[in-house]
Amino acid sequence: MTTSLHVAFLRGVGGSKPAAGDALKACLGAAGYDRVRAVMATGNVIFGLGRKRKPPEEGALSAVIADHFGYPLPAILRTGDAVAAMVAGDPFAGVDQNHHTRFVALLAADAPAVSAYPDPPRAAGYRLIDRRERDLLFVIDRDVVRTPDLMAKLERAFDKRLTTRNWSTMEKVAAALDEVRGAVGRKPA
């Protein structure tokens, strides 16, 4: 089990708000977390509890990150187990990736319930394929709708208390979780 591993998906990384992997590692390491690993340059970071005794809260972790970087990068948290299970469940099996984008909306703990987002009409150009406790999984027809258009609708529905990721990013995070878990059991050479 990986309950001691967590993943922070940061909202708003990029452009004028960078969060380089080394800086994220330093930030979370200084806050007492261990096994810190950034995944890609889009604000995805895996970490263990280190010397902490209880799992982090989104608001507290967001404050630590804002203090370090000097600007807000709200953290949406999931356990490593939850991310691994989501990816292992292969909810997008059979989706034609040549014409469709696989997309996940990760809601903050204080966001409105997933039911706040209505089922899209058939001609919307995207399908909601699954509603989970705090996640919405979509397939977007790239010939009909642009991903930023759907993101804008989601931001309105959830008062911007969410972040979004392409499914391939989630797969990379799950693979990195496996690597971090494997590194714990190996002895240094």
N, C-alpha and C. Protein backbone atom coordinates (compact mmCIF):
# COMPACT_ATOMS: atom_id res chain seq x y z
N MET A 1 0.84 -1.19 0.00
CA MET A 1 0.00 0.00 0.00
C MET A 1 0.87 1.25 0.00
N THR A 2 0.37 2.31 -0.59
CA THR A 2 1.14 3.54 -0.69
C THR A 2 0.46 4.69 0.04
N THR A 3 -0.28 4.40 1.09
CA THR A 3 -1.01 5.47 1.76
C THR A 3 -0.08 6.54 2.30
N SER A 4 1.20 6.22 2.51
CA SER A 4 2.10 7.25 3.00
C SER A 4 2.61 8.15 1.87
N LEU A 5 2.29 7.81 0.63
CA LEU A 5 2.63 8.69 -0.49
C LEU A 5 1.42 9.52 -0.88
N HIS A 6 1.68 10.76 -1.24
CA HIS A 6 0.63 11.68 -1.65
C HIS A 6 1.06 12.36 -2.94
N VAL A 7 0.09 12.88 -3.66
CA VAL A 7 0.38 13.64 -4.87
C VAL A 7 -0.33 14.98 -4.77
N ALA A 8 0.44 16.04 -4.99
CA ALA A 8 -0.14 17.38 -5.07
C ALA A 8 -0.17 17.77 -6.54
N PHE A 9 -1.36 18.11 -7.00
CA PHE A 9 -1.55 18.62 -8.35
C PHE A 9 -1.75 20.13 -8.18
N LEU A 10 -0.79 20.92 -8.61
CA LEU A 10 -0.85 22.36 -8.39
C LEU A 10 -1.63 23.04 -9.51
N ARG A 11 -2.42 24.01 -9.12
CA ARG A 11 -3.23 24.77 -10.07
C ARG A 11 -2.48 26.04 -10.47
N GLY A 12 -2.45 26.32 -11.76
CA GLY A 12 -1.92 27.60 -12.23
C GLY A 12 -0.43 27.64 -12.49
N VAL A 13 0.24 26.50 -12.57
CA VAL A 13 1.67 26.49 -12.83
C VAL A 13 1.93 26.84 -14.29
N GLY A 14 2.95 27.64 -14.52
CA GLY A 14 3.37 27.97 -15.88
C GLY A 14 3.40 29.47 -16.10
N GLY A 15 4.04 29.85 -17.19
CA GLY A 15 4.11 31.26 -17.54
C GLY A 15 4.73 32.09 -16.44
N SER A 16 3.96 33.00 -15.88
CA SER A 16 4.47 33.89 -14.83
C SER A 16 4.50 33.22 -13.46
N LYS A 17 4.04 31.98 -13.38
CA LYS A 17 4.05 31.24 -12.10
C LYS A 17 4.74 29.88 -12.26
N PRO A 18 6.06 29.90 -12.46
CA PRO A 18 6.77 28.63 -12.60
C PRO A 18 6.91 27.91 -11.26
N ALA A 19 7.07 26.62 -11.33
CA ALA A 19 7.34 25.80 -10.14
C ALA A 19 8.24 24.65 -10.56
N ALA A 20 9.51 24.98 -10.75
CA ALA A 20 10.49 23.99 -11.21
C ALA A 20 10.60 22.84 -10.21
N GLY A 21 10.91 21.66 -10.74
CA GLY A 21 11.00 20.47 -9.91
C GLY A 21 11.96 20.60 -8.74
N ASP A 22 13.14 21.17 -8.98
CA ASP A 22 14.11 21.34 -7.89
C ASP A 22 13.58 22.26 -6.81
N ALA A 23 12.87 23.31 -7.22
CA ALA A 23 12.30 24.26 -6.25
C ALA A 23 11.17 23.60 -5.46
N LEU A 24 10.35 22.79 -6.11
CA LEU A 24 9.29 22.07 -5.40
C LEU A 24 9.89 21.08 -4.40
N LYS A 25 10.95 20.40 -4.84
CA LYS A 25 11.61 19.44 -3.95
C LYS A 25 12.18 20.15 -2.72
N ALA A 26 12.80 21.30 -2.92
CA ALA A 26 13.36 22.07 -1.80
C ALA A 26 12.24 22.56 -0.88
N CYS A 27 11.16 23.04 -1.47
CA CYS A 27 10.03 23.56 -0.70
C CYS A 27 9.43 22.48 0.20
N LEU A 28 9.08 21.35 -0.38
CA LEU A 28 8.43 20.30 0.41
C LEU A 28 9.42 19.62 1.36
N GLY A 29 10.68 19.50 0.95
CA GLY A 29 11.70 18.94 1.83
C GLY A 29 11.88 19.81 3.07
N ALA A 30 11.95 21.12 2.88
CA ALA A 30 12.10 22.05 4.01
C ALA A 30 10.88 22.01 4.93
N ALA A 31 9.73 21.64 4.38
CA ALA A 31 8.51 21.55 5.19
C ALA A 31 8.39 20.22 5.93
N GLY A 32 9.38 19.33 5.75
CA GLY A 32 9.40 18.08 6.49
C GLY A 32 8.93 16.85 5.73
N TYR A 33 8.65 16.99 4.45
CA TYR A 33 8.21 15.84 3.66
C TYR A 33 9.42 15.14 3.06
N ASP A 34 9.26 13.87 2.72
CA ASP A 34 10.36 13.12 2.11
C ASP A 34 9.90 12.51 0.78
N ARG A 35 10.81 11.83 0.13
CA ARG A 35 10.56 11.16 -1.16
C ARG A 35 9.89 12.11 -2.16
N VAL A 36 10.29 13.37 -2.15
CA VAL A 36 9.68 14.37 -3.01
C VAL A 36 10.18 14.18 -4.44
N ARG A 37 9.23 14.10 -5.35
CA ARG A 37 9.57 13.94 -6.78
C ARG A 37 8.57 14.71 -7.62
N ALA A 38 9.08 15.65 -8.40
CA ALA A 38 8.23 16.38 -9.34
C ALA A 38 8.07 15.52 -10.59
N VAL A 39 6.90 15.58 -11.19
CA VAL A 39 6.62 14.82 -12.40
C VAL A 39 6.20 15.83 -13.47
N MET A 40 7.03 15.98 -14.48
CA MET A 40 6.83 16.95 -15.55
C MET A 40 6.97 18.36 -14.98
N ALA A 41 6.74 19.35 -15.80
CA ALA A 41 6.90 20.74 -15.37
C ALA A 41 5.56 21.44 -15.21
N THR A 42 4.52 20.66 -14.92
CA THR A 42 3.17 21.23 -14.86
C THR A 42 2.59 21.22 -13.45
N GLY A 43 3.44 21.07 -12.43
CA GLY A 43 2.95 21.16 -11.06
C GLY A 43 2.37 19.88 -10.52
N ASN A 44 3.04 18.77 -10.76
CA ASN A 44 2.64 17.49 -10.19
C ASN A 44 3.79 17.03 -9.30
N VAL A 45 3.53 16.80 -8.03
CA VAL A 45 4.62 16.43 -7.14
C VAL A 45 4.17 15.33 -6.18
N ILE A 46 4.99 14.29 -6.13
CA ILE A 46 4.79 13.14 -5.24
C ILE A 46 5.61 13.40 -3.98
N PHE A 47 5.07 13.00 -2.84
CA PHE A 47 5.83 13.16 -1.60
C PHE A 47 5.33 12.19 -0.54
N GLY A 48 6.23 11.88 0.39
CA GLY A 48 5.88 11.06 1.55
C GLY A 48 5.72 11.95 2.77
N LEU A 49 5.21 11.37 3.83
CA LEU A 49 4.94 12.15 5.03
C LEU A 49 6.19 12.59 5.77
N GLY A 50 7.32 11.92 5.54
CA GLY A 50 8.55 12.33 6.21
C GLY A 50 8.37 12.36 7.72
N ARG A 51 8.68 13.49 8.33
CA ARG A 51 8.55 13.58 9.79
C ARG A 51 7.16 14.03 10.22
N LYS A 52 6.25 14.16 9.27
CA LYS A 52 4.87 14.55 9.60
C LYS A 52 4.13 13.33 10.14
N ARG A 53 3.20 13.56 11.04
CA ARG A 53 2.46 12.45 11.63
C ARG A 53 1.09 12.24 11.01
N LYS A 54 0.61 13.22 10.28
CA LYS A 54 -0.72 13.07 9.67
C LYS A 54 -0.68 13.56 8.23
N PRO A 55 -1.60 13.09 7.43
CA PRO A 55 -1.63 13.51 6.02
C PRO A 55 -1.83 15.02 5.91
N PRO A 56 -1.30 15.60 4.85
CA PRO A 56 -1.41 17.05 4.67
C PRO A 56 -2.84 17.48 4.33
N GLU A 57 -3.12 18.73 4.59
CA GLU A 57 -4.38 19.33 4.17
C GLU A 57 -4.07 20.29 3.03
N GLU A 58 -5.01 20.40 2.09
CA GLU A 58 -4.77 21.22 0.91
C GLU A 58 -4.43 22.66 1.26
N GLY A 59 -5.18 23.27 2.16
CA GLY A 59 -4.94 24.67 2.51
C GLY A 59 -3.56 24.88 3.11
N ALA A 60 -3.16 23.99 4.01
CA ALA A 60 -1.86 24.13 4.67
C ALA A 60 -0.71 23.94 3.68
N LEU A 61 -0.83 22.94 2.82
CA LEU A 61 0.22 22.71 1.82
C LEU A 61 0.26 23.86 0.81
N SER A 62 -0.89 24.35 0.41
CA SER A 62 -0.95 25.49 -0.51
C SER A 62 -0.25 26.71 0.10
N ALA A 63 -0.43 26.93 1.40
CA ALA A 63 0.21 28.06 2.08
C ALA A 63 1.73 27.89 2.10
N VAL A 64 2.22 26.69 2.36
CA VAL A 64 3.66 26.42 2.35
C VAL A 64 4.24 26.73 0.97
N ILE A 65 3.54 26.29 -0.07
CA ILE A 65 4.01 26.49 -1.44
C ILE A 65 3.97 27.98 -1.80
N ALA A 66 2.90 28.67 -1.44
CA ALA A 66 2.79 30.12 -1.72
C ALA A 66 3.89 30.89 -1.00
N ASP A 67 4.18 30.52 0.25
CA ASP A 67 5.25 31.19 0.99
C ASP A 67 6.60 30.99 0.30
N HIS A 68 6.83 29.81 -0.21
CA HIS A 68 8.11 29.50 -0.85
C HIS A 68 8.27 30.23 -2.19
N PHE A 69 7.21 30.19 -3.01
CA PHE A 69 7.31 30.74 -4.36
C PHE A 69 6.94 32.22 -4.45
N GLY A 70 6.17 32.71 -3.49
CA GLY A 70 5.78 34.11 -3.52
C GLY A 70 4.52 34.38 -4.33
N TYR A 71 3.83 33.35 -4.72
CA TYR A 71 2.55 33.48 -5.44
C TYR A 71 1.75 32.21 -5.19
N PRO A 72 0.43 32.31 -5.30
CA PRO A 72 -0.41 31.14 -5.00
C PRO A 72 -0.35 30.08 -6.09
N LEU A 73 -0.21 28.86 -5.67
CA LEU A 73 -0.31 27.68 -6.52
C LEU A 73 -1.12 26.65 -5.73
N PRO A 74 -2.44 26.80 -5.71
CA PRO A 74 -3.26 25.91 -4.88
C PRO A 74 -2.99 24.43 -5.17
N ALA A 75 -2.88 23.65 -4.10
CA ALA A 75 -2.59 22.22 -4.20
C ALA A 75 -3.89 21.42 -4.08
N ILE A 76 -4.12 20.56 -5.04
CA ILE A 76 -5.22 19.61 -4.99
C ILE A 76 -4.57 18.27 -4.67
N LEU A 77 -4.96 17.66 -3.56
CA LEU A 77 -4.27 16.47 -3.08
C LEU A 77 -5.04 15.18 -3.35
N ARG A 78 -4.27 14.14 -3.63
CA ARG A 78 -4.78 12.78 -3.72
C ARG A 78 -3.74 11.88 -3.07
N THR A 79 -4.17 10.75 -2.54
CA THR A 79 -3.20 9.77 -2.05
C THR A 79 -2.57 9.08 -3.25
N GLY A 80 -1.38 8.55 -3.03
CA GLY A 80 -0.74 7.77 -4.08
C GLY A 80 -1.60 6.58 -4.47
N ASP A 81 -2.23 5.96 -3.48
CA ASP A 81 -3.11 4.81 -3.77
C ASP A 81 -4.27 5.21 -4.68
N ALA A 82 -4.86 6.37 -4.43
CA ALA A 82 -6.01 6.79 -5.23
C ALA A 82 -5.60 7.04 -6.68
N VAL A 83 -4.45 7.66 -6.90
CA VAL A 83 -3.98 7.91 -8.26
C VAL A 83 -3.65 6.59 -8.95
N ALA A 84 -2.93 5.71 -8.25
CA ALA A 84 -2.57 4.43 -8.84
C ALA A 84 -3.82 3.61 -9.21
N ALA A 85 -4.81 3.62 -8.33
CA ALA A 85 -6.05 2.86 -8.60
C ALA A 85 -6.81 3.46 -9.78
N MET A 86 -6.85 4.79 -9.86
CA MET A 86 -7.55 5.43 -10.98
C MET A 86 -6.92 5.01 -12.30
N VAL A 87 -5.60 5.07 -12.38
CA VAL A 87 -4.92 4.73 -13.62
C VAL A 87 -5.02 3.23 -13.91
N ALA A 88 -4.85 2.40 -12.89
CA ALA A 88 -4.94 0.95 -13.08
C ALA A 88 -6.32 0.52 -13.56
N GLY A 89 -7.35 1.27 -13.18
CA GLY A 89 -8.71 0.95 -13.60
C GLY A 89 -8.96 1.17 -15.08
N ASP A 90 -8.04 1.84 -15.77
CA ASP A 90 -8.10 2.08 -17.22
C ASP A 90 -9.48 2.57 -17.68
N PRO A 91 -9.96 3.68 -17.11
CA PRO A 91 -11.30 4.14 -17.45
C PRO A 91 -11.47 4.61 -18.89
N PHE A 92 -10.36 4.81 -19.60
CA PHE A 92 -10.44 5.29 -20.97
C PHE A 92 -10.14 4.19 -21.99
N ALA A 93 -10.25 2.93 -21.58
CA ALA A 93 -9.99 1.81 -22.49
C ALA A 93 -10.89 1.94 -23.72
N GLY A 94 -10.29 1.76 -24.87
CA GLY A 94 -11.05 1.79 -26.11
C GLY A 94 -11.27 3.17 -26.71
N VAL A 95 -10.81 4.22 -26.05
CA VAL A 95 -10.99 5.58 -26.57
C VAL A 95 -10.00 5.81 -27.72
N ASP A 96 -10.49 6.30 -28.84
CA ASP A 96 -9.67 6.62 -30.00
C ASP A 96 -8.86 7.88 -29.69
N GLN A 97 -7.58 7.69 -29.40
CA GLN A 97 -6.73 8.82 -29.01
C GLN A 97 -6.33 9.69 -30.19
N ASN A 98 -6.59 9.25 -31.41
CA ASN A 98 -6.28 10.07 -32.57
C ASN A 98 -7.26 11.23 -32.72
N HIS A 99 -8.47 11.07 -32.18
CA HIS A 99 -9.50 12.10 -32.32
C HIS A 99 -10.02 12.65 -30.99
N HIS A 100 -9.64 12.01 -29.90
CA HIS A 100 -10.19 12.39 -28.60
C HIS A 100 -9.09 12.65 -27.59
N THR A 101 -9.35 13.58 -26.70
CA THR A 101 -8.46 13.86 -25.58
C THR A 101 -9.07 13.26 -24.33
N ARG A 102 -8.25 12.55 -23.56
CA ARG A 102 -8.67 11.99 -22.27
C ARG A 102 -8.27 13.01 -21.21
N PHE A 103 -9.18 13.33 -20.33
CA PHE A 103 -9.04 14.53 -19.51
C PHE A 103 -9.64 14.28 -18.13
N VAL A 104 -8.96 14.76 -17.09
CA VAL A 104 -9.44 14.58 -15.71
C VAL A 104 -9.52 15.93 -15.02
N ALA A 105 -10.63 16.19 -14.35
CA ALA A 105 -10.77 17.36 -13.49
C ALA A 105 -10.68 16.86 -12.06
N LEU A 106 -9.70 17.40 -11.32
CA LEU A 106 -9.45 17.02 -9.92
C LEU A 106 -9.97 18.15 -9.04
N LEU A 107 -10.97 17.86 -8.24
CA LEU A 107 -11.61 18.89 -7.42
C LEU A 107 -10.93 19.02 -6.05
N ALA A 108 -10.85 20.25 -5.58
CA ALA A 108 -10.33 20.50 -4.24
C ALA A 108 -11.29 19.97 -3.19
N ALA A 109 -10.79 19.76 -1.99
CA ALA A 109 -11.62 19.24 -0.90
C ALA A 109 -12.80 20.16 -0.59
N ASP A 110 -12.62 21.47 -0.80
CA ASP A 110 -13.69 22.42 -0.48
C ASP A 110 -14.51 22.85 -1.71
N ALA A 111 -14.34 22.16 -2.82
CA ALA A 111 -15.10 22.49 -4.04
C ALA A 111 -16.52 21.97 -3.92
N PRO A 112 -17.43 22.54 -4.71
CA PRO A 112 -18.78 21.95 -4.77
C PRO A 112 -18.70 20.48 -5.17
N ALA A 113 -19.72 19.73 -4.85
CA ALA A 113 -19.76 18.30 -5.16
C ALA A 113 -19.71 18.07 -6.67
N VAL A 114 -19.21 16.89 -7.08
CA VAL A 114 -19.12 16.58 -8.51
C VAL A 114 -20.48 16.68 -9.19
N SER A 115 -21.53 16.50 -8.44
CA SER A 115 -22.88 16.60 -9.02
C SER A 115 -23.22 18.03 -9.46
N ALA A 116 -22.39 19.01 -9.07
CA ALA A 116 -22.61 20.40 -9.49
C ALA A 116 -22.43 20.56 -10.99
N TYR A 117 -21.76 19.60 -11.61
CA TYR A 117 -21.55 19.68 -13.05
C TYR A 117 -22.58 18.82 -13.74
N PRO A 118 -23.42 19.42 -14.58
CA PRO A 118 -24.48 18.65 -15.23
C PRO A 118 -23.94 17.73 -16.31
N ASP A 119 -24.70 16.69 -16.61
CA ASP A 119 -24.34 15.84 -17.74
C ASP A 119 -24.40 16.68 -19.01
N PRO A 120 -23.37 16.58 -19.86
CA PRO A 120 -23.37 17.39 -21.08
C PRO A 120 -24.39 16.87 -22.09
N PRO A 121 -24.93 17.77 -22.92
CA PRO A 121 -25.83 17.31 -23.98
C PRO A 121 -25.06 16.45 -24.98
N ARG A 122 -25.76 15.62 -25.72
CA ARG A 122 -25.11 14.70 -26.66
C ARG A 122 -24.24 15.42 -27.68
N ALA A 123 -24.62 16.57 -28.14
CA ALA A 123 -23.88 17.29 -29.19
C ALA A 123 -22.81 18.22 -28.63
N ALA A 124 -22.47 18.10 -27.36
CA ALA A 124 -21.53 19.02 -26.72
C ALA A 124 -20.10 18.89 -27.23
N GLY A 125 -19.75 17.73 -27.76
CA GLY A 125 -18.39 17.51 -28.22
C GLY A 125 -17.50 16.89 -27.16
N TYR A 126 -18.09 16.57 -26.03
CA TYR A 126 -17.35 15.87 -24.98
C TYR A 126 -18.33 15.01 -24.20
N ARG A 127 -17.78 13.96 -23.59
CA ARG A 127 -18.59 13.05 -22.78
C ARG A 127 -18.00 12.98 -21.38
N LEU A 128 -18.85 12.97 -20.41
CA LEU A 128 -18.45 12.71 -19.03
C LEU A 128 -18.54 11.21 -18.86
N ILE A 129 -17.39 10.55 -18.72
CA ILE A 129 -17.42 9.09 -18.66
C ILE A 129 -17.47 8.54 -17.24
N ASP A 130 -17.08 9.37 -16.26
CA ASP A 130 -17.14 8.89 -14.88
C ASP A 130 -17.13 10.06 -13.92
N ARG A 131 -17.94 9.93 -12.87
CA ARG A 131 -17.94 10.86 -11.73
C ARG A 131 -17.45 10.06 -10.54
N ARG A 132 -16.40 10.53 -9.93
CA ARG A 132 -15.89 9.89 -8.72
C ARG A 132 -16.07 10.86 -7.58
N GLU A 133 -15.67 10.49 -6.41
CA GLU A 133 -15.89 11.34 -5.24
C GLU A 133 -15.47 12.79 -5.46
N ARG A 134 -14.27 12.98 -6.00
CA ARG A 134 -13.77 14.35 -6.24
C ARG A 134 -13.10 14.48 -7.60
N ASP A 135 -13.47 13.61 -8.53
CA ASP A 135 -12.87 13.63 -9.85
C ASP A 135 -13.93 13.44 -10.92
N LEU A 136 -13.73 14.13 -12.05
CA LEU A 136 -14.58 13.97 -13.23
C LEU A 136 -13.67 13.57 -14.38
N LEU A 137 -14.07 12.53 -15.11
CA LEU A 137 -13.28 12.04 -16.23
C LEU A 137 -14.05 12.29 -17.52
N PHE A 138 -13.38 12.93 -18.47
CA PHE A 138 -14.01 13.34 -19.72
C PHE A 138 -13.26 12.79 -20.93
N VAL A 139 -13.99 12.61 -22.01
CA VAL A 139 -13.42 12.38 -23.33
C VAL A 139 -13.87 13.56 -24.18
N ILE A 140 -12.91 14.22 -24.81
CA ILE A 140 -13.19 15.41 -25.60
C ILE A 140 -12.95 15.10 -27.08
N ASP A 141 -13.92 15.38 -27.91
CA ASP A 141 -13.77 15.24 -29.36
C ASP A 141 -13.08 16.50 -29.87
N ARG A 142 -11.81 16.38 -30.25
CA ARG A 142 -11.02 17.55 -30.64
C ARG A 142 -11.53 18.22 -31.92
N ASP A 143 -12.34 17.51 -32.70
CA ASP A 143 -12.90 18.11 -33.91
C ASP A 143 -14.09 19.03 -33.60
N VAL A 144 -14.63 18.93 -32.37
CA VAL A 144 -15.84 19.66 -32.02
C VAL A 144 -15.60 20.74 -30.97
N VAL A 145 -14.82 20.43 -29.95
CA VAL A 145 -14.62 21.37 -28.84
C VAL A 145 -13.14 21.42 -28.47
N ARG A 146 -12.71 22.58 -28.01
CA ARG A 146 -11.33 22.74 -27.55
C ARG A 146 -11.28 22.50 -26.03
N THR A 147 -10.19 21.91 -25.57
CA THR A 147 -10.03 21.64 -24.15
C THR A 147 -10.18 22.91 -23.30
N PRO A 148 -9.61 24.07 -23.68
CA PRO A 148 -9.79 25.28 -22.85
C PRO A 148 -11.26 25.69 -22.69
N ASP A 149 -12.09 25.40 -23.68
CA ASP A 149 -13.51 25.73 -23.56
C ASP A 149 -14.16 24.92 -22.44
N LEU A 150 -13.85 23.64 -22.38
CA LEU A 150 -14.38 22.79 -21.31
C LEU A 150 -13.81 23.23 -19.96
N MET A 151 -12.53 23.55 -19.93
CA MET A 151 -11.92 24.01 -18.68
C MET A 151 -12.61 25.25 -18.14
N ALA A 152 -12.98 26.17 -19.00
CA ALA A 152 -13.67 27.39 -18.56
C ALA A 152 -15.02 27.04 -17.95
N LYS A 153 -15.74 26.10 -18.53
CA LYS A 153 -17.03 25.67 -17.97
C LYS A 153 -16.84 25.04 -16.59
N LEU A 154 -15.81 24.23 -16.45
CA LEU A 154 -15.53 23.58 -15.17
C LEU A 154 -15.16 24.61 -14.11
N GLU A 155 -14.35 25.60 -14.48
CA GLU A 155 -13.97 26.64 -13.52
C GLU A 155 -15.18 27.40 -13.00
N ARG A 156 -16.13 27.66 -13.88
CA ARG A 156 -17.36 28.34 -13.43
C ARG A 156 -18.17 27.44 -12.50
N ALA A 157 -18.29 26.18 -12.84
CA ALA A 157 -19.10 25.25 -12.04
C ALA A 157 -18.51 25.01 -10.65
N PHE A 158 -17.18 25.04 -10.55
CA PHE A 158 -16.52 24.69 -9.29
C PHE A 158 -15.76 25.87 -8.67
N ASP A 159 -16.13 27.07 -9.03
CA ASP A 159 -15.53 28.28 -8.44
C ASP A 159 -14.01 28.25 -8.48
N LYS A 160 -13.45 27.71 -9.54
CA LYS A 160 -12.00 27.61 -9.74
C LYS A 160 -11.30 26.78 -8.67
N ARG A 161 -12.02 25.94 -7.96
CA ARG A 161 -11.42 25.10 -6.92
C ARG A 161 -11.19 23.69 -7.49
N LEU A 162 -10.38 23.66 -8.54
CA LEU A 162 -10.04 22.42 -9.21
C LEU A 162 -8.79 22.65 -10.04
N THR A 163 -8.24 21.58 -10.52
CA THR A 163 -7.19 21.65 -11.54
C THR A 163 -7.48 20.52 -12.51
N THR A 164 -6.90 20.61 -13.69
CA THR A 164 -7.17 19.62 -14.72
C THR A 164 -5.87 19.02 -15.22
N ARG A 165 -5.95 17.77 -15.68
CA ARG A 165 -4.80 17.10 -16.25
C ARG A 165 -5.23 16.23 -17.42
N ASN A 166 -4.37 16.18 -18.41
CA ASN A 166 -4.52 15.24 -19.49
C ASN A 166 -4.26 13.85 -18.92
N TRP A 167 -4.93 12.84 -19.44
CA TRP A 167 -4.77 11.49 -18.91
C TRP A 167 -3.33 11.00 -19.02
N SER A 168 -2.61 11.38 -20.06
CA SER A 168 -1.22 10.91 -20.18
C SER A 168 -0.38 11.43 -19.01
N THR A 169 -0.70 12.60 -18.50
CA THR A 169 -0.01 13.11 -17.30
C THR A 169 -0.31 12.21 -16.10
N MET A 170 -1.56 11.82 -15.95
CA MET A 170 -1.92 10.93 -14.84
C MET A 170 -1.17 9.60 -14.95
N GLU A 171 -1.02 9.09 -16.16
CA GLU A 171 -0.26 7.85 -16.36
C GLU A 171 1.20 8.03 -15.96
N LYS A 172 1.77 9.18 -16.28
CA LYS A 172 3.17 9.46 -15.91
C LYS A 172 3.31 9.59 -14.40
N VAL A 173 2.34 10.20 -13.75
CA VAL A 173 2.38 10.31 -12.29
C VAL A 173 2.29 8.91 -11.66
N ALA A 174 1.41 8.05 -12.18
CA ALA A 174 1.29 6.68 -11.64
C ALA A 174 2.59 5.91 -11.84
N ALA A 175 3.24 6.06 -12.99
CA ALA A 175 4.52 5.38 -13.23
C ALA A 175 5.59 5.90 -12.26
N ALA A 176 5.61 7.20 -12.01
CA ALA A 176 6.57 7.77 -11.06
C ALA A 176 6.29 7.27 -9.64
N LEU A 177 5.01 7.11 -9.29
CA LEU A 177 4.68 6.54 -7.97
C LEU A 177 5.29 5.15 -7.84
N ASP A 178 5.18 4.34 -8.89
CA ASP A 178 5.77 3.00 -8.86
C ASP A 178 7.28 3.08 -8.64
N GLU A 179 7.92 4.04 -9.31
CA GLU A 179 9.37 4.20 -9.15
C GLU A 179 9.74 4.63 -7.74
N VAL A 180 8.99 5.56 -7.18
CA VAL A 180 9.26 6.02 -5.81
C VAL A 180 9.05 4.88 -4.83
N ARG A 181 7.98 4.13 -5.00
CA ARG A 181 7.74 2.98 -4.11
C ARG A 181 8.86 1.95 -4.22
N GLY A 182 9.32 1.71 -5.46
CA GLY A 182 10.40 0.74 -5.67
C GLY A 182 11.71 1.20 -5.07
N ALA A 183 11.98 2.49 -5.10
CA ALA A 183 13.23 3.04 -4.55
C ALA A 183 13.30 2.87 -3.04
N VAL A 184 12.15 2.82 -2.37
CA VAL A 184 12.14 2.68 -0.91
C VAL A 184 12.68 1.32 -0.50
N GLY A 185 12.37 0.28 -1.29
CA GLY A 185 12.79 -1.08 -0.94
C GLY A 185 14.21 -1.41 -1.36
N ARG A 186 14.84 -0.60 -2.21
CA ARG A 186 16.20 -0.88 -2.68
C ARG A 186 17.23 -0.29 -1.74
N LYS A 187 18.33 -1.01 -1.60
CA LYS A 187 19.45 -0.49 -0.80
C LYS A 187 20.40 0.25 -1.73
N PRO A 188 20.99 1.35 -1.25
CA PRO A 188 21.96 2.07 -2.09
C PRO A 188 23.13 1.19 -2.46
N ALA A 189 23.68 1.41 -3.64
CA ALA A 189 24.83 0.60 -4.12
C ALA A 189 26.11 1.02 -3.45
